[in-house]
Amino acid sequence: MKDVKIFGIAGWKNSGKTGLAVRLVAEFTKRGYRISTIKHAHHDFDIDKVGADSYRHREAGAHEVTIVSGTRYAIMHELRGAPEPAFEEILARLAPCDLVLIEGYKREPIPKIEARRLHAANREPLAPQDPHIVAIAADHSLESERLPVFDLDDTAAIADFIASVVGLEKKPTP
């Protein structure tokens, strides 16, 4: 996707990444933007149900299985031992949109906000080692932080910041 606007949400497990991503999708959608998301999982996952026809197709050895209905479609691609696709390959498969929000992929060289929670299991900040982190969203006070800091729940302010960083043009109010 050429000239696609991308912004990431990074953080350790249970830092609030998913909640922030969901709220940002809702906020940007409310503002009239078309949003796509990519979520990176560090574990084996399955979106299919055991026994479903599509599951049976995959179990039989299908490389890709596409499920299509009148309301949505999904393509499941089995790697079958091949390496995980590069970030750019995944981006290239998305339909055109105004903004792609990335959850995870904390090592990719894209602008991102770091989510932090006071009571997260790992509280080691990512920002000092990642020059692509441009702001922090936290549920606690951060006194001597050099980056802009937002309240983790201030979705509107975080959305405004992201829009300015990626250069999203203001949508006319309906």
Protein backbone atom coordinates (compact mmCIF):
# COMPACT_ATOMS: atom_id res chain seq x y z
CA MET A 1 0.00 0.00 0.00
CA LYS A 2 1.77 3.05 -1.26
CA ASP A 3 1.58 6.20 0.87
CA VAL A 4 -0.40 4.42 3.55
CA LYS A 5 -0.62 6.17 6.90
CA ILE A 6 0.50 3.87 9.70
CA PHE A 7 0.66 4.32 13.43
CA GLY A 8 1.51 1.73 16.05
CA ILE A 9 0.60 0.97 19.64
CA ALA A 10 3.42 -0.74 21.52
CA GLY A 11 3.74 -1.99 25.05
CA TRP A 12 4.22 -5.02 27.21
CA LYS A 13 1.49 -7.58 27.88
CA ASN A 14 -1.43 -6.11 29.87
CA SER A 15 -0.25 -2.53 29.29
CA GLY A 16 -3.57 -1.45 27.74
CA LYS A 17 -2.70 -1.79 24.03
CA THR A 18 -5.87 -3.56 22.94
CA GLY A 19 -8.23 -1.29 24.87
CA LEU A 20 -6.50 1.77 23.42
CA ALA A 21 -6.59 0.31 19.89
CA VAL A 22 -10.32 -0.43 20.14
CA ARG A 23 -11.10 3.05 21.46
CA LEU A 24 -8.98 4.67 18.72
CA VAL A 25 -10.73 2.67 15.98
CA ALA A 26 -14.10 3.81 17.35
CA GLU A 27 -12.92 7.44 17.64
CA PHE A 28 -11.43 7.64 14.15
CA THR A 29 -14.46 5.86 12.66
CA LYS A 30 -16.76 8.35 14.41
CA ARG A 31 -14.71 11.12 12.78
CA GLY A 32 -15.39 9.62 9.34
CA TYR A 33 -12.11 7.81 8.68
CA ARG A 34 -11.76 4.33 7.24
CA ILE A 35 -9.50 2.39 9.62
CA SER A 36 -7.78 -0.97 9.26
CA THR A 37 -5.85 -2.74 11.99
CA ILE A 38 -3.09 -5.30 12.23
CA LYS A 39 -2.62 -7.20 15.48
CA HIS A 40 0.55 -9.19 15.99
CA ALA A 41 0.20 -12.30 18.14
CA HIS A 42 3.23 -13.90 19.77
CA HIS A 43 1.53 -17.25 20.17
CA ASP A 44 -0.29 -19.84 18.15
CA PHE A 45 -3.82 -18.60 17.55
CA ASP A 46 -6.83 -19.83 15.65
CA ILE A 47 -9.91 -17.90 14.61
CA ASP A 48 -11.61 -21.00 13.28
CA LYS A 49 -13.80 -23.47 15.17
CA VAL A 50 -12.92 -27.14 15.37
CA GLY A 51 -15.34 -29.08 13.19
CA ALA A 52 -16.41 -26.11 11.03
CA ASP A 53 -16.22 -26.66 7.27
CA SER A 54 -13.40 -24.11 6.92
CA TYR A 55 -11.46 -25.81 9.73
CA ARG A 56 -11.86 -29.13 7.96
CA HIS A 57 -10.55 -27.57 4.71
CA ARG A 58 -7.42 -26.34 6.54
CA GLU A 59 -6.91 -29.64 8.32
CA ALA A 60 -7.08 -31.38 4.95
CA GLY A 61 -4.11 -29.28 3.83
CA ALA A 62 -5.53 -26.17 2.11
CA HIS A 63 -2.95 -23.39 1.79
CA GLU A 64 -5.59 -20.66 2.05
CA VAL A 65 -9.23 -20.91 3.04
CA THR A 66 -11.63 -18.07 2.32
CA ILE A 67 -14.98 -17.85 4.06
CA VAL A 68 -17.47 -15.51 2.41
CA SER A 69 -20.94 -14.39 3.45
CA GLY A 70 -23.20 -11.45 2.71
CA THR A 71 -21.72 -9.51 5.63
CA ARG A 72 -17.99 -10.33 5.69
CA TYR A 73 -15.20 -12.49 4.41
CA ALA A 74 -12.03 -13.83 5.95
CA ILE A 75 -8.97 -15.41 4.44
CA MET A 76 -6.96 -17.79 6.60
CA HIS A 77 -3.49 -18.53 5.32
CA GLU A 78 -1.63 -21.52 6.70
CA LEU A 79 2.13 -21.04 6.89
CA ARG A 80 2.75 -24.79 7.10
CA GLY A 81 6.28 -24.29 8.42
CA ALA A 82 7.11 -21.25 6.27
CA PRO A 83 8.41 -18.17 8.12
CA GLU A 84 6.04 -15.52 9.40
CA PRO A 85 5.37 -12.98 6.62
CA ALA A 86 7.17 -9.65 6.77
CA PHE A 87 5.27 -6.66 8.08
CA GLU A 88 5.29 -5.10 4.57
CA GLU A 89 3.67 -8.22 3.09
CA ILE A 90 0.79 -7.96 5.53
CA LEU A 91 0.35 -4.24 4.80
CA ALA A 92 0.27 -4.95 1.07
CA ARG A 93 -2.73 -7.29 1.53
CA LEU A 94 -4.96 -4.62 3.11
CA ALA A 95 -7.60 -2.74 1.18
CA PRO A 96 -7.10 1.04 0.84
CA CYS A 97 -7.96 2.99 3.99
CA ASP A 98 -7.18 6.29 5.73
CA LEU A 99 -5.10 4.83 8.55
CA VAL A 100 -3.70 1.47 9.61
CA LEU A 101 -3.39 1.07 13.36
CA ILE A 102 -0.83 -1.53 14.37
CA GLU A 103 -1.03 -3.34 17.71
CA GLY A 104 2.19 -5.09 18.56
CA TYR A 105 5.09 -5.22 16.10
CA LYS A 106 6.96 -3.15 18.67
CA ARG A 107 10.26 -3.46 16.77
CA GLU A 108 8.97 -2.07 13.44
CA PRO A 109 10.33 1.35 12.41
CA ILE A 110 6.95 3.09 12.42
CA PRO A 111 5.70 5.96 14.59
CA LYS A 112 4.04 4.58 17.71
CA ILE A 113 2.70 5.36 21.11
CA GLU A 114 3.78 3.29 24.09
CA ALA A 115 1.00 2.10 26.39
CA ARG A 116 1.99 1.82 30.05
CA ARG A 117 0.12 0.68 33.10
CA LEU A 118 1.41 1.07 36.62
CA HIS A 119 0.47 -2.50 37.52
CA ALA A 120 1.58 -4.25 34.30
CA ALA A 121 3.76 -7.33 34.72
CA ASN A 122 6.71 -5.75 32.88
CA ARG A 123 7.12 -2.03 33.51
CA GLU A 124 10.45 -1.57 31.73
CA PRO A 125 9.89 1.43 29.41
CA LEU A 126 10.28 0.76 25.67
CA ALA A 127 10.76 4.40 24.65
CA PRO A 128 14.41 4.80 25.72
CA GLN A 129 15.45 2.02 23.31
CA ASP A 130 13.02 2.85 20.47
CA PRO A 131 13.42 6.14 18.59
CA HIS A 132 10.11 5.48 16.79
CA ILE A 133 8.05 5.87 19.97
CA VAL A 134 6.78 9.44 19.72
CA ALA A 135 4.48 9.55 22.77
CA ILE A 136 3.36 7.63 25.83
CA ALA A 137 -0.14 6.81 27.06
CA ALA A 138 -0.11 5.89 30.74
CA ASP A 139 -2.51 5.31 33.60
CA HIS A 140 -0.11 7.00 36.03
CA SER A 141 1.96 10.15 36.29
CA LEU A 142 5.31 10.30 34.50
CA GLU A 143 7.30 13.19 35.88
CA SER A 144 10.53 13.47 33.90
CA GLU A 145 9.43 12.06 30.53
CA ARG A 146 10.83 13.87 27.47
CA LEU A 147 8.05 12.61 25.13
CA PRO A 148 4.45 13.84 25.13
CA VAL A 149 2.45 11.93 27.76
CA PHE A 150 -1.29 11.28 27.52
CA ASP A 151 -3.72 9.76 29.96
CA LEU A 152 -4.29 6.21 28.69
CA ASP A 153 -8.04 6.88 28.64
CA ASP A 154 -7.91 10.27 26.83
CA THR A 155 -8.79 8.74 23.48
CA ALA A 156 -9.76 12.01 21.76
CA ALA A 157 -6.45 13.71 22.62
CA ILE A 158 -4.46 10.64 21.54
CA ALA A 159 -6.42 10.48 18.26
CA ASP A 160 -5.72 14.19 17.63
CA PHE A 161 -2.01 13.56 18.25
CA ILE A 162 -1.91 10.54 15.92
CA ALA A 163 -3.76 12.47 13.20
CA SER A 164 -1.18 15.26 13.41
CA VAL A 165 1.78 12.84 13.37
CA VAL A 166 0.62 10.89 10.30
CA GLY A 167 -0.91 13.88 8.51
CA LEU A 168 -4.53 12.76 8.40
CA GLU A 169 -6.58 15.38 6.67
CA LYS A 170 -9.56 16.64 8.63
CA LYS A 171 -12.83 15.12 7.45
CA PRO A 172 -15.74 17.48 6.90
CA THR A 173 -18.38 17.21 9.62
CA PRO A 174 -21.50 15.43 8.35
